[in-house]
């Protein structure tokens, strides 16, 4: 571990305040997020330095800023991988698209997928009494439209499409198109 990795590792023991709903047979995003209680009078965002080391967040922030403004897809993929994201070959990451600043290492974007202009992949949620973290997985050749937001724990299937400015709050099956806030099925990409 480097000095920047000394913070809470999301793959390590989540501690006594963490809970998970992983016992459910349904495979919703809520089953895949880890919950971390933040007791006390302040909301969970006030506790962010104990969730992820401030130096790690600062390094991530600067790197994410470079990813957002760079026109080079090759540089974007390289920087995303340096942050710990799993990025497949041929991934296109649009201008101003934003990976999670706190936990970019929980992002997987598979081969040939497109993350559109100003889209955001979030791996964390700071709420009133807890924060949640969860992986975001984008399948092969999936497309995420401009301005779309994908919440923690969501899996977008292979060849699925997310319309521009949609809020993805649950999994998108392979080949399906979703749109809206929250995103709802619009049909499959084979014309049905």
N, C-alpha and C. Protein backbone atom coordinates (compact mmCIF):
# COMPACT_ATOMS: atom_id res chain seq x y z
N UNK A 1 0.83 -1.19 0.00
CA UNK A 1 0.00 0.00 0.00
C UNK A 1 0.87 1.25 0.00
N UNK A 2 0.45 2.25 -0.75
CA UNK A 2 1.14 3.52 -0.72
C UNK A 2 0.52 4.39 0.36
N UNK A 3 1.14 5.54 0.60
CA UNK A 3 0.57 6.43 1.60
C UNK A 3 -0.83 6.90 1.22
N UNK A 4 -1.14 6.85 -0.09
CA UNK A 4 -2.46 7.31 -0.55
C UNK A 4 -3.50 6.22 -0.41
N UNK A 5 -3.07 4.99 -0.21
CA UNK A 5 -4.01 3.88 -0.10
C UNK A 5 -4.26 3.48 1.35
N UNK A 6 -3.84 4.28 2.28
CA UNK A 6 -3.99 3.91 3.69
C UNK A 6 -5.39 4.15 4.21
N UNK A 7 -6.27 4.68 3.35
CA UNK A 7 -7.64 4.94 3.78
C UNK A 7 -8.46 3.66 3.74
N UNK A 8 -9.74 3.78 3.98
CA UNK A 8 -10.64 2.64 4.01
C UNK A 8 -10.68 1.94 2.67
N UNK A 9 -10.27 0.71 2.62
CA UNK A 9 -10.34 -0.10 1.41
C UNK A 9 -11.73 -0.69 1.31
N UNK A 10 -12.47 -0.40 0.21
CA UNK A 10 -13.83 -0.91 0.12
C UNK A 10 -13.92 -2.43 0.06
N UNK A 11 -12.80 -3.10 -0.25
CA UNK A 11 -12.82 -4.56 -0.29
C UNK A 11 -12.42 -5.18 1.04
N UNK A 12 -11.99 -4.36 1.99
CA UNK A 12 -11.59 -4.90 3.28
C UNK A 12 -12.80 -4.98 4.20
N UNK A 13 -12.56 -5.43 5.42
CA UNK A 13 -13.63 -5.51 6.41
C UNK A 13 -14.27 -4.13 6.56
N UNK A 14 -15.57 -4.01 6.31
CA UNK A 14 -16.21 -2.70 6.33
C UNK A 14 -16.40 -2.12 7.72
N UNK A 15 -16.08 -2.86 8.76
CA UNK A 15 -16.17 -2.32 10.11
C UNK A 15 -17.50 -2.58 10.77
N UNK A 16 -17.60 -2.21 12.04
CA UNK A 16 -18.80 -2.53 12.82
C UNK A 16 -20.04 -1.75 12.41
N UNK A 17 -19.88 -0.61 11.75
CA UNK A 17 -21.04 0.20 11.38
C UNK A 17 -21.58 -0.12 9.99
N UNK A 18 -20.95 -1.02 9.26
CA UNK A 18 -21.37 -1.32 7.89
C UNK A 18 -22.39 -2.46 7.89
N UNK A 19 -23.36 -2.32 7.00
CA UNK A 19 -24.34 -3.38 6.81
C UNK A 19 -24.52 -3.60 5.33
N UNK A 20 -25.07 -4.74 4.97
CA UNK A 20 -25.34 -5.04 3.57
C UNK A 20 -26.63 -5.80 3.48
N UNK A 21 -27.33 -5.60 2.39
CA UNK A 21 -28.57 -6.33 2.13
C UNK A 21 -28.31 -7.49 1.18
N UNK A 22 -27.13 -8.09 1.24
CA UNK A 22 -26.70 -9.08 0.27
C UNK A 22 -27.41 -10.43 0.40
N UNK A 23 -28.35 -10.58 1.32
CA UNK A 23 -29.02 -11.85 1.51
C UNK A 23 -30.23 -12.01 0.59
N UNK A 24 -30.62 -10.96 -0.09
CA UNK A 24 -31.80 -11.00 -0.96
C UNK A 24 -31.48 -11.70 -2.27
N UNK A 25 -32.40 -12.57 -2.76
CA UNK A 25 -32.15 -13.23 -4.03
C UNK A 25 -32.33 -12.30 -5.22
N UNK A 26 -33.07 -11.19 -5.07
CA UNK A 26 -33.20 -10.25 -6.18
C UNK A 26 -31.86 -9.55 -6.34
N UNK A 27 -31.53 -9.20 -7.53
CA UNK A 27 -30.23 -8.60 -7.76
C UNK A 27 -30.38 -7.13 -8.10
N UNK A 28 -30.88 -6.34 -7.15
CA UNK A 28 -31.01 -4.91 -7.36
C UNK A 28 -29.76 -4.21 -6.85
N UNK A 29 -29.63 -2.96 -7.22
CA UNK A 29 -28.45 -2.21 -6.78
C UNK A 29 -28.38 -2.13 -5.26
N UNK A 30 -29.53 -2.08 -4.60
CA UNK A 30 -29.52 -1.98 -3.14
C UNK A 30 -28.95 -3.23 -2.48
N UNK A 31 -28.98 -4.35 -3.19
CA UNK A 31 -28.38 -5.58 -2.67
C UNK A 31 -26.86 -5.53 -2.75
N UNK A 32 -26.34 -4.67 -3.62
CA UNK A 32 -24.90 -4.64 -3.86
C UNK A 32 -24.18 -3.46 -3.23
N UNK A 33 -24.89 -2.56 -2.59
CA UNK A 33 -24.20 -1.44 -1.95
C UNK A 33 -23.89 -1.78 -0.50
N UNK A 34 -22.74 -1.28 -0.06
CA UNK A 34 -22.35 -1.44 1.35
C UNK A 34 -22.76 -0.16 2.07
N UNK A 35 -23.41 -0.34 3.20
CA UNK A 35 -23.90 0.79 3.98
C UNK A 35 -22.99 1.00 5.19
N UNK A 36 -22.67 2.26 5.44
CA UNK A 36 -21.80 2.62 6.56
C UNK A 36 -22.53 3.67 7.39
N UNK A 37 -22.91 3.29 8.60
CA UNK A 37 -23.62 4.22 9.48
C UNK A 37 -22.69 5.34 9.93
N UNK A 38 -23.24 6.53 10.05
CA UNK A 38 -22.49 7.69 10.53
C UNK A 38 -23.28 8.34 11.66
N UNK A 39 -23.20 7.76 12.85
CA UNK A 39 -23.99 8.29 13.97
C UNK A 39 -23.52 9.68 14.38
N UNK A 40 -24.41 10.40 15.00
CA UNK A 40 -24.09 11.73 15.48
C UNK A 40 -25.01 12.77 14.88
N UNK A 41 -24.82 14.00 15.28
CA UNK A 41 -25.74 15.06 14.84
C UNK A 41 -25.53 15.48 13.38
N UNK A 42 -24.35 15.27 12.82
CA UNK A 42 -24.07 15.72 11.45
C UNK A 42 -24.46 14.64 10.44
N UNK A 43 -24.78 15.07 9.22
CA UNK A 43 -25.08 14.09 8.17
C UNK A 43 -23.80 13.39 7.72
N UNK A 44 -23.94 12.37 6.89
CA UNK A 44 -22.80 11.53 6.53
C UNK A 44 -21.72 12.26 5.75
N UNK A 45 -22.08 13.29 4.99
CA UNK A 45 -21.07 14.02 4.23
C UNK A 45 -20.06 14.70 5.15
N UNK A 46 -20.48 15.08 6.34
CA UNK A 46 -19.57 15.68 7.31
C UNK A 46 -18.49 14.69 7.75
N UNK A 47 -18.73 13.40 7.54
CA UNK A 47 -17.78 12.35 7.94
C UNK A 47 -16.90 11.88 6.79
N UNK A 48 -16.92 12.57 5.64
CA UNK A 48 -16.21 12.06 4.47
C UNK A 48 -14.72 11.81 4.72
N UNK A 49 -14.00 12.61 5.52
CA UNK A 49 -12.58 12.31 5.70
C UNK A 49 -12.32 10.95 6.36
N UNK A 50 -13.29 10.44 7.12
CA UNK A 50 -13.09 9.11 7.70
C UNK A 50 -13.52 8.01 6.72
N UNK A 51 -14.22 8.38 5.67
CA UNK A 51 -14.64 7.40 4.65
C UNK A 51 -13.52 7.14 3.65
N UNK A 52 -12.82 8.18 3.26
CA UNK A 52 -11.74 8.07 2.29
C UNK A 52 -10.71 9.14 2.65
N UNK A 53 -9.45 8.76 2.65
CA UNK A 53 -8.40 9.68 3.07
C UNK A 53 -8.41 10.95 2.21
N UNK A 54 -8.33 12.13 2.83
CA UNK A 54 -8.38 13.38 2.07
C UNK A 54 -7.32 13.51 0.98
N UNK A 55 -6.13 12.98 1.21
CA UNK A 55 -5.09 13.04 0.17
C UNK A 55 -5.50 12.19 -1.03
N UNK A 56 -6.06 11.02 -0.77
CA UNK A 56 -6.54 10.16 -1.86
C UNK A 56 -7.62 10.88 -2.67
N UNK A 57 -8.55 11.54 -1.98
CA UNK A 57 -9.62 12.27 -2.66
C UNK A 57 -9.04 13.43 -3.47
N UNK A 58 -8.05 14.13 -2.93
CA UNK A 58 -7.44 15.24 -3.66
C UNK A 58 -6.74 14.76 -4.93
N UNK A 59 -6.00 13.66 -4.83
CA UNK A 59 -5.34 13.09 -6.02
C UNK A 59 -6.40 12.65 -7.03
N UNK A 60 -7.44 11.99 -6.56
CA UNK A 60 -8.52 11.57 -7.45
C UNK A 60 -9.16 12.77 -8.13
N UNK A 61 -9.41 13.84 -7.38
CA UNK A 61 -10.08 15.02 -7.92
C UNK A 61 -9.29 15.63 -9.07
N UNK A 62 -8.00 15.80 -8.88
CA UNK A 62 -7.16 16.38 -9.93
C UNK A 62 -7.15 15.47 -11.15
N UNK A 63 -7.04 14.17 -10.92
CA UNK A 63 -7.03 13.21 -12.04
C UNK A 63 -8.37 13.21 -12.76
N UNK A 64 -9.46 13.25 -12.03
CA UNK A 64 -10.79 13.30 -12.65
C UNK A 64 -10.95 14.58 -13.47
N UNK A 65 -10.44 15.68 -12.98
CA UNK A 65 -10.49 16.94 -13.73
C UNK A 65 -9.78 16.78 -15.07
N UNK A 66 -8.61 16.15 -15.07
CA UNK A 66 -7.88 15.90 -16.32
C UNK A 66 -8.67 14.99 -17.26
N UNK A 67 -9.30 13.96 -16.70
CA UNK A 67 -10.12 13.05 -17.50
C UNK A 67 -11.27 13.82 -18.15
N UNK A 68 -11.89 14.70 -17.41
CA UNK A 68 -13.05 15.45 -17.92
C UNK A 68 -12.68 16.38 -19.08
N UNK A 69 -11.50 17.00 -19.04
CA UNK A 69 -11.17 18.00 -20.05
C UNK A 69 -10.33 17.47 -21.21
N UNK A 70 -9.73 16.32 -21.06
CA UNK A 70 -8.85 15.80 -22.10
C UNK A 70 -9.65 15.34 -23.32
N UNK A 71 -9.21 15.74 -24.53
CA UNK A 71 -9.87 15.23 -25.73
C UNK A 71 -9.36 13.84 -26.13
N UNK A 72 -8.28 13.38 -25.52
CA UNK A 72 -7.66 12.11 -25.91
C UNK A 72 -8.31 10.92 -25.20
N UNK A 73 -8.94 10.03 -25.97
CA UNK A 73 -9.53 8.82 -25.39
C UNK A 73 -8.45 7.93 -24.79
N UNK A 74 -7.31 7.85 -25.44
CA UNK A 74 -6.21 7.03 -24.93
C UNK A 74 -5.76 7.52 -23.56
N UNK A 75 -5.59 8.84 -23.42
CA UNK A 75 -5.18 9.41 -22.13
C UNK A 75 -6.26 9.18 -21.07
N UNK A 76 -7.52 9.37 -21.44
CA UNK A 76 -8.62 9.15 -20.48
C UNK A 76 -8.60 7.72 -19.96
N UNK A 77 -8.48 6.75 -20.87
CA UNK A 77 -8.46 5.34 -20.44
C UNK A 77 -7.27 5.09 -19.52
N UNK A 78 -6.11 5.63 -19.86
CA UNK A 78 -4.91 5.45 -19.06
C UNK A 78 -5.12 6.04 -17.66
N UNK A 79 -5.65 7.25 -17.58
CA UNK A 79 -5.87 7.89 -16.28
C UNK A 79 -6.91 7.14 -15.46
N UNK A 80 -7.99 6.70 -16.10
CA UNK A 80 -9.01 5.92 -15.38
C UNK A 80 -8.40 4.65 -14.79
N UNK A 81 -7.56 3.99 -15.55
CA UNK A 81 -6.90 2.77 -15.04
C UNK A 81 -5.96 3.11 -13.89
N UNK A 82 -5.27 4.25 -13.94
CA UNK A 82 -4.40 4.66 -12.83
C UNK A 82 -5.21 4.90 -11.56
N UNK A 83 -6.46 5.31 -11.71
CA UNK A 83 -7.33 5.50 -10.54
C UNK A 83 -7.88 4.18 -10.01
N UNK A 84 -7.64 3.09 -10.74
CA UNK A 84 -8.10 1.78 -10.29
C UNK A 84 -9.34 1.28 -10.99
N UNK A 85 -9.91 2.08 -11.90
CA UNK A 85 -11.08 1.63 -12.66
C UNK A 85 -10.66 0.52 -13.63
N UNK A 86 -11.58 -0.39 -13.89
CA UNK A 86 -11.34 -1.44 -14.87
C UNK A 86 -11.95 -0.97 -16.18
N UNK A 87 -11.10 -0.69 -17.15
CA UNK A 87 -11.53 -0.11 -18.43
C UNK A 87 -11.12 -1.05 -19.55
N UNK A 88 -12.11 -1.55 -20.30
CA UNK A 88 -11.84 -2.47 -21.39
C UNK A 88 -11.29 -1.77 -22.62
N UNK A 89 -10.79 -2.56 -23.56
CA UNK A 89 -10.28 -1.97 -24.80
C UNK A 89 -11.41 -1.32 -25.59
N UNK A 90 -11.08 -0.23 -26.27
CA UNK A 90 -12.05 0.43 -27.13
C UNK A 90 -13.13 1.22 -26.41
N UNK A 91 -12.99 1.44 -25.11
CA UNK A 91 -13.97 2.24 -24.37
C UNK A 91 -13.82 3.70 -24.80
N UNK A 92 -14.95 4.36 -25.04
CA UNK A 92 -14.96 5.79 -25.34
C UNK A 92 -15.55 6.53 -24.15
N UNK A 93 -14.78 7.47 -23.62
CA UNK A 93 -15.18 8.25 -22.45
C UNK A 93 -15.34 9.69 -22.90
N UNK A 94 -16.56 10.18 -22.94
CA UNK A 94 -16.87 11.49 -23.49
C UNK A 94 -16.29 12.66 -22.71
N UNK A 95 -16.19 13.79 -23.40
CA UNK A 95 -15.74 15.03 -22.79
C UNK A 95 -16.67 15.38 -21.62
N UNK A 96 -16.09 15.82 -20.52
CA UNK A 96 -16.81 16.21 -19.31
C UNK A 96 -17.47 15.05 -18.56
N UNK A 97 -17.35 13.81 -19.05
CA UNK A 97 -17.88 12.66 -18.32
C UNK A 97 -17.07 12.48 -17.04
N UNK A 98 -17.76 12.10 -15.96
CA UNK A 98 -17.14 12.10 -14.63
C UNK A 98 -17.22 10.74 -13.96
N UNK A 99 -16.06 10.15 -13.63
CA UNK A 99 -16.08 8.96 -12.78
C UNK A 99 -16.20 9.40 -11.32
N UNK A 100 -16.60 8.50 -10.46
CA UNK A 100 -16.71 8.80 -9.04
C UNK A 100 -15.37 9.30 -8.51
N UNK A 101 -15.38 10.40 -7.76
CA UNK A 101 -14.16 10.99 -7.23
C UNK A 101 -13.66 10.25 -5.99
N UNK A 102 -14.58 9.72 -5.19
CA UNK A 102 -14.17 9.02 -3.97
C UNK A 102 -13.72 7.59 -4.25
N UNK A 103 -14.47 6.83 -5.02
CA UNK A 103 -14.18 5.42 -5.28
C UNK A 103 -14.18 5.10 -6.77
N UNK A 104 -13.27 5.70 -7.56
CA UNK A 104 -13.22 5.37 -8.99
C UNK A 104 -12.80 3.92 -9.24
N UNK A 105 -12.16 3.33 -8.25
CA UNK A 105 -11.71 1.94 -8.35
C UNK A 105 -12.87 0.95 -8.34
N UNK A 106 -14.09 1.41 -8.10
CA UNK A 106 -15.26 0.53 -8.12
C UNK A 106 -16.00 0.59 -9.46
N UNK A 107 -15.38 1.21 -10.46
CA UNK A 107 -16.00 1.34 -11.79
C UNK A 107 -15.40 0.30 -12.73
N UNK A 108 -16.29 -0.39 -13.45
CA UNK A 108 -15.88 -1.29 -14.54
C UNK A 108 -16.65 -0.89 -15.78
N UNK A 109 -15.92 -0.59 -16.85
CA UNK A 109 -16.52 -0.29 -18.15
C UNK A 109 -15.90 -1.27 -19.13
N UNK A 110 -16.73 -2.13 -19.68
CA UNK A 110 -16.23 -3.23 -20.52
C UNK A 110 -16.04 -2.81 -21.98
N UNK A 111 -15.42 -3.68 -22.72
CA UNK A 111 -14.99 -3.44 -24.10
C UNK A 111 -16.03 -2.76 -24.98
N UNK A 112 -15.59 -1.70 -25.65
CA UNK A 112 -16.40 -1.03 -26.65
C UNK A 112 -17.54 -0.18 -26.12
N UNK A 113 -17.66 -0.03 -24.81
CA UNK A 113 -18.75 0.77 -24.25
C UNK A 113 -18.48 2.26 -24.45
N UNK A 114 -19.57 3.04 -24.41
CA UNK A 114 -19.48 4.49 -24.55
C UNK A 114 -20.09 5.14 -23.32
N UNK A 115 -19.32 6.04 -22.70
CA UNK A 115 -19.83 6.88 -21.62
C UNK A 115 -19.89 8.28 -22.22
N UNK A 116 -21.10 8.79 -22.43
CA UNK A 116 -21.31 10.02 -23.19
C UNK A 116 -20.93 11.30 -22.46
N UNK A 117 -20.99 12.38 -23.23
CA UNK A 117 -20.67 13.72 -22.76
C UNK A 117 -21.38 14.04 -21.44
N UNK A 118 -20.62 14.46 -20.45
CA UNK A 118 -21.13 14.92 -19.16
C UNK A 118 -21.91 13.86 -18.37
N UNK A 119 -21.75 12.59 -18.72
CA UNK A 119 -22.37 11.52 -17.92
C UNK A 119 -21.58 11.36 -16.62
N UNK A 120 -22.23 10.82 -15.59
CA UNK A 120 -21.59 10.63 -14.29
C UNK A 120 -21.83 9.22 -13.80
N UNK A 121 -20.75 8.53 -13.41
CA UNK A 121 -20.85 7.20 -12.80
C UNK A 121 -20.51 7.36 -11.32
N UNK A 122 -21.52 7.23 -10.46
CA UNK A 122 -21.33 7.40 -9.01
C UNK A 122 -21.20 6.06 -8.31
N UNK A 123 -20.20 5.93 -7.46
CA UNK A 123 -20.01 4.72 -6.66
C UNK A 123 -20.28 4.99 -5.19
N UNK A 124 -20.73 6.19 -4.86
CA UNK A 124 -21.04 6.53 -3.47
C UNK A 124 -22.27 7.41 -3.39
N UNK A 125 -22.92 7.35 -2.22
CA UNK A 125 -24.03 8.24 -1.90
C UNK A 125 -23.86 8.65 -0.44
N UNK A 126 -23.79 9.93 -0.19
CA UNK A 126 -23.77 10.42 1.19
C UNK A 126 -25.20 10.82 1.55
N UNK A 127 -25.76 10.18 2.56
CA UNK A 127 -27.13 10.42 2.99
C UNK A 127 -27.12 11.01 4.40
N UNK A 128 -28.27 11.17 5.01
CA UNK A 128 -28.34 11.78 6.33
C UNK A 128 -27.62 10.97 7.41
N UNK A 129 -27.91 9.67 7.51
CA UNK A 129 -27.38 8.88 8.62
C UNK A 129 -26.44 7.76 8.18
N UNK A 130 -26.14 7.70 6.90
CA UNK A 130 -25.22 6.67 6.41
C UNK A 130 -24.68 7.11 5.06
N UNK A 131 -23.55 6.48 4.68
CA UNK A 131 -23.13 6.61 3.30
C UNK A 131 -23.08 5.21 2.72
N UNK A 132 -23.22 5.14 1.40
CA UNK A 132 -23.26 3.85 0.71
C UNK A 132 -22.23 3.86 -0.41
N UNK A 133 -21.60 2.71 -0.60
CA UNK A 133 -20.69 2.57 -1.74
C UNK A 133 -21.05 1.28 -2.47
N UNK A 134 -20.87 1.30 -3.78
CA UNK A 134 -21.16 0.12 -4.59
C UNK A 134 -20.54 0.25 -5.97
N UNK A 135 -20.23 -0.89 -6.54
CA UNK A 135 -19.63 -0.92 -7.87
C UNK A 135 -20.64 -0.49 -8.93
N UNK A 136 -20.12 0.10 -9.99
CA UNK A 136 -20.89 0.39 -11.20
C UNK A 136 -20.24 -0.41 -12.32
N UNK A 137 -21.06 -1.20 -13.02
CA UNK A 137 -20.54 -2.03 -14.12
C UNK A 137 -21.30 -1.67 -15.39
N UNK A 138 -20.55 -1.34 -16.43
CA UNK A 138 -21.12 -1.03 -17.75
C UNK A 138 -20.66 -2.14 -18.69
N UNK A 139 -21.62 -2.85 -19.29
CA UNK A 139 -21.31 -4.01 -20.12
C UNK A 139 -20.75 -3.66 -21.49
N UNK A 140 -20.31 -4.71 -22.19
CA UNK A 140 -19.73 -4.56 -23.51
C UNK A 140 -20.69 -3.83 -24.45
N UNK A 141 -20.15 -2.85 -25.17
CA UNK A 141 -20.86 -2.09 -26.20
C UNK A 141 -22.13 -1.41 -25.69
N UNK A 142 -22.23 -1.22 -24.39
CA UNK A 142 -23.35 -0.44 -23.84
C UNK A 142 -23.10 1.04 -24.12
N UNK A 143 -24.17 1.82 -24.12
CA UNK A 143 -24.05 3.25 -24.38
C UNK A 143 -24.76 4.03 -23.27
N UNK A 144 -24.04 4.98 -22.69
CA UNK A 144 -24.62 5.86 -21.68
C UNK A 144 -24.68 7.25 -22.30
N UNK A 145 -25.88 7.80 -22.42
CA UNK A 145 -26.08 9.08 -23.09
C UNK A 145 -25.56 10.27 -22.32
N UNK A 146 -25.48 11.39 -23.02
CA UNK A 146 -24.99 12.64 -22.45
C UNK A 146 -25.81 13.04 -21.23
N UNK A 147 -25.10 13.43 -20.18
CA UNK A 147 -25.75 13.94 -18.98
C UNK A 147 -26.42 12.90 -18.10
N UNK A 148 -26.33 11.63 -18.46
CA UNK A 148 -26.95 10.58 -17.65
C UNK A 148 -26.17 10.41 -16.34
N UNK A 149 -26.88 9.98 -15.30
CA UNK A 149 -26.26 9.70 -14.00
C UNK A 149 -26.58 8.26 -13.64
N UNK A 150 -25.53 7.50 -13.30
CA UNK A 150 -25.68 6.10 -12.90
C UNK A 150 -25.33 6.02 -11.42
N UNK A 151 -26.25 5.48 -10.61
CA UNK A 151 -26.06 5.42 -9.16
C UNK A 151 -25.26 4.18 -8.74
N UNK A 152 -24.73 4.18 -7.51
CA UNK A 152 -23.92 3.07 -7.02
C UNK A 152 -24.66 1.75 -7.04
N UNK A 153 -23.92 0.69 -7.38
CA UNK A 153 -24.48 -0.66 -7.37
C UNK A 153 -25.21 -1.04 -8.64
N UNK A 154 -25.30 -0.14 -9.61
CA UNK A 154 -26.04 -0.41 -10.85
C UNK A 154 -25.16 -1.18 -11.83
N UNK A 155 -25.78 -2.15 -12.50
CA UNK A 155 -25.14 -2.87 -13.60
C UNK A 155 -25.91 -2.59 -14.87
N UNK A 156 -25.20 -2.14 -15.89
CA UNK A 156 -25.80 -1.88 -17.20
C UNK A 156 -25.32 -2.99 -18.11
N UNK A 157 -26.26 -3.75 -18.66
CA UNK A 157 -25.94 -4.93 -19.44
C UNK A 157 -25.30 -4.62 -20.78
N UNK A 158 -24.75 -5.66 -21.38
CA UNK A 158 -24.12 -5.55 -22.70
C UNK A 158 -25.12 -5.02 -23.71
N UNK A 159 -24.66 -4.10 -24.54
CA UNK A 159 -25.45 -3.51 -25.63
C UNK A 159 -26.72 -2.81 -25.16
N UNK A 160 -26.79 -2.46 -23.90
CA UNK A 160 -27.91 -1.66 -23.39
C UNK A 160 -27.65 -0.19 -23.71
N UNK A 161 -28.71 0.60 -23.70
CA UNK A 161 -28.59 2.04 -23.96
C UNK A 161 -29.31 2.82 -22.87
N UNK A 162 -28.65 3.87 -22.41
CA UNK A 162 -29.24 4.79 -21.44
C UNK A 162 -29.39 6.13 -22.16
N UNK A 163 -30.62 6.63 -22.24
CA UNK A 163 -30.88 7.89 -22.94
C UNK A 163 -30.24 9.07 -22.21
N UNK A 164 -30.02 10.13 -22.96
CA UNK A 164 -29.44 11.35 -22.40
C UNK A 164 -30.26 11.86 -21.22
N UNK A 165 -29.56 12.39 -20.23
CA UNK A 165 -30.15 13.01 -19.04
C UNK A 165 -31.01 12.08 -18.20
N UNK A 166 -30.79 10.79 -18.30
CA UNK A 166 -31.53 9.82 -17.49
C UNK A 166 -30.85 9.62 -16.14
N UNK A 167 -31.62 9.20 -15.15
CA UNK A 167 -31.10 8.84 -13.83
C UNK A 167 -31.30 7.35 -13.66
N UNK A 168 -30.20 6.59 -13.68
CA UNK A 168 -30.29 5.13 -13.62
C UNK A 168 -30.20 4.70 -12.16
N UNK A 169 -31.33 4.22 -11.65
CA UNK A 169 -31.45 3.84 -10.24
C UNK A 169 -31.50 2.33 -10.05
N UNK A 170 -31.59 1.58 -11.16
CA UNK A 170 -31.62 0.11 -11.07
C UNK A 170 -30.94 -0.48 -12.30
N UNK A 171 -30.69 -1.77 -12.23
CA UNK A 171 -29.99 -2.46 -13.31
C UNK A 171 -30.72 -2.32 -14.64
N UNK A 172 -29.93 -2.32 -15.71
CA UNK A 172 -30.47 -2.29 -17.07
C UNK A 172 -30.09 -3.61 -17.73
N UNK A 173 -31.07 -4.44 -18.10
CA UNK A 173 -30.75 -5.73 -18.72
C UNK A 173 -30.03 -5.56 -20.06
N UNK A 174 -29.28 -6.58 -20.48
CA UNK A 174 -28.60 -6.52 -21.77
C UNK A 174 -29.57 -6.20 -22.90
N UNK A 175 -29.13 -5.31 -23.79
CA UNK A 175 -29.90 -4.98 -24.98
C UNK A 175 -31.08 -4.06 -24.76
N UNK A 176 -31.35 -3.65 -23.53
CA UNK A 176 -32.52 -2.81 -23.26
C UNK A 176 -32.16 -1.33 -23.33
N UNK A 177 -33.15 -0.52 -23.69
CA UNK A 177 -33.01 0.93 -23.69
C UNK A 177 -33.84 1.49 -22.55
N UNK A 178 -33.24 2.39 -21.76
CA UNK A 178 -33.96 3.05 -20.68
C UNK A 178 -33.85 4.56 -20.85
N UNK A 179 -34.86 5.27 -20.33
CA UNK A 179 -34.87 6.73 -20.42
C UNK A 179 -35.69 7.30 -19.28
N UNK A 180 -35.36 8.51 -18.87
CA UNK A 180 -36.17 9.23 -17.89
C UNK A 180 -35.54 9.35 -16.53
N UNK A 181 -36.28 10.01 -15.64
CA UNK A 181 -35.87 10.21 -14.25
C UNK A 181 -37.02 9.76 -13.36
N UNK A 182 -36.89 8.60 -12.72
CA UNK A 182 -35.84 7.60 -12.90
C UNK A 182 -35.99 6.89 -14.24
N UNK A 183 -34.89 6.30 -14.71
CA UNK A 183 -34.89 5.63 -16.01
C UNK A 183 -35.84 4.44 -16.00
N UNK A 184 -36.65 4.35 -17.03
CA UNK A 184 -37.62 3.26 -17.20
C UNK A 184 -37.38 2.59 -18.55
N UNK A 185 -37.73 1.31 -18.68
CA UNK A 185 -37.52 0.60 -19.95
C UNK A 185 -38.31 1.24 -21.10
N UNK A 186 -37.66 1.35 -22.24
CA UNK A 186 -38.29 1.87 -23.45
C UNK A 186 -38.38 0.79 -24.52
N UNK A 187 -37.81 -0.38 -24.25
CA UNK A 187 -37.79 -1.47 -25.23
C UNK A 187 -36.38 -2.01 -25.35
N UNK A 188 -36.20 -2.87 -26.34
CA UNK A 188 -34.88 -3.45 -26.57
C UNK A 188 -34.26 -2.80 -27.79
N UNK A 189 -32.97 -2.94 -27.91
CA UNK A 189 -32.25 -2.32 -29.01
C UNK A 189 -32.40 -3.08 -30.32
N UNK A 190 -33.17 -4.17 -30.32
CA UNK A 190 -33.39 -4.91 -31.57
C UNK A 190 -34.73 -4.53 -32.20
N UNK A 191 -35.31 -3.40 -31.77
CA UNK A 191 -36.53 -2.89 -32.38
C UNK A 191 -37.82 -3.29 -31.70
N UNK A 192 -37.77 -4.09 -30.66
CA UNK A 192 -38.99 -4.51 -29.95
C UNK A 192 -39.40 -3.51 -28.90
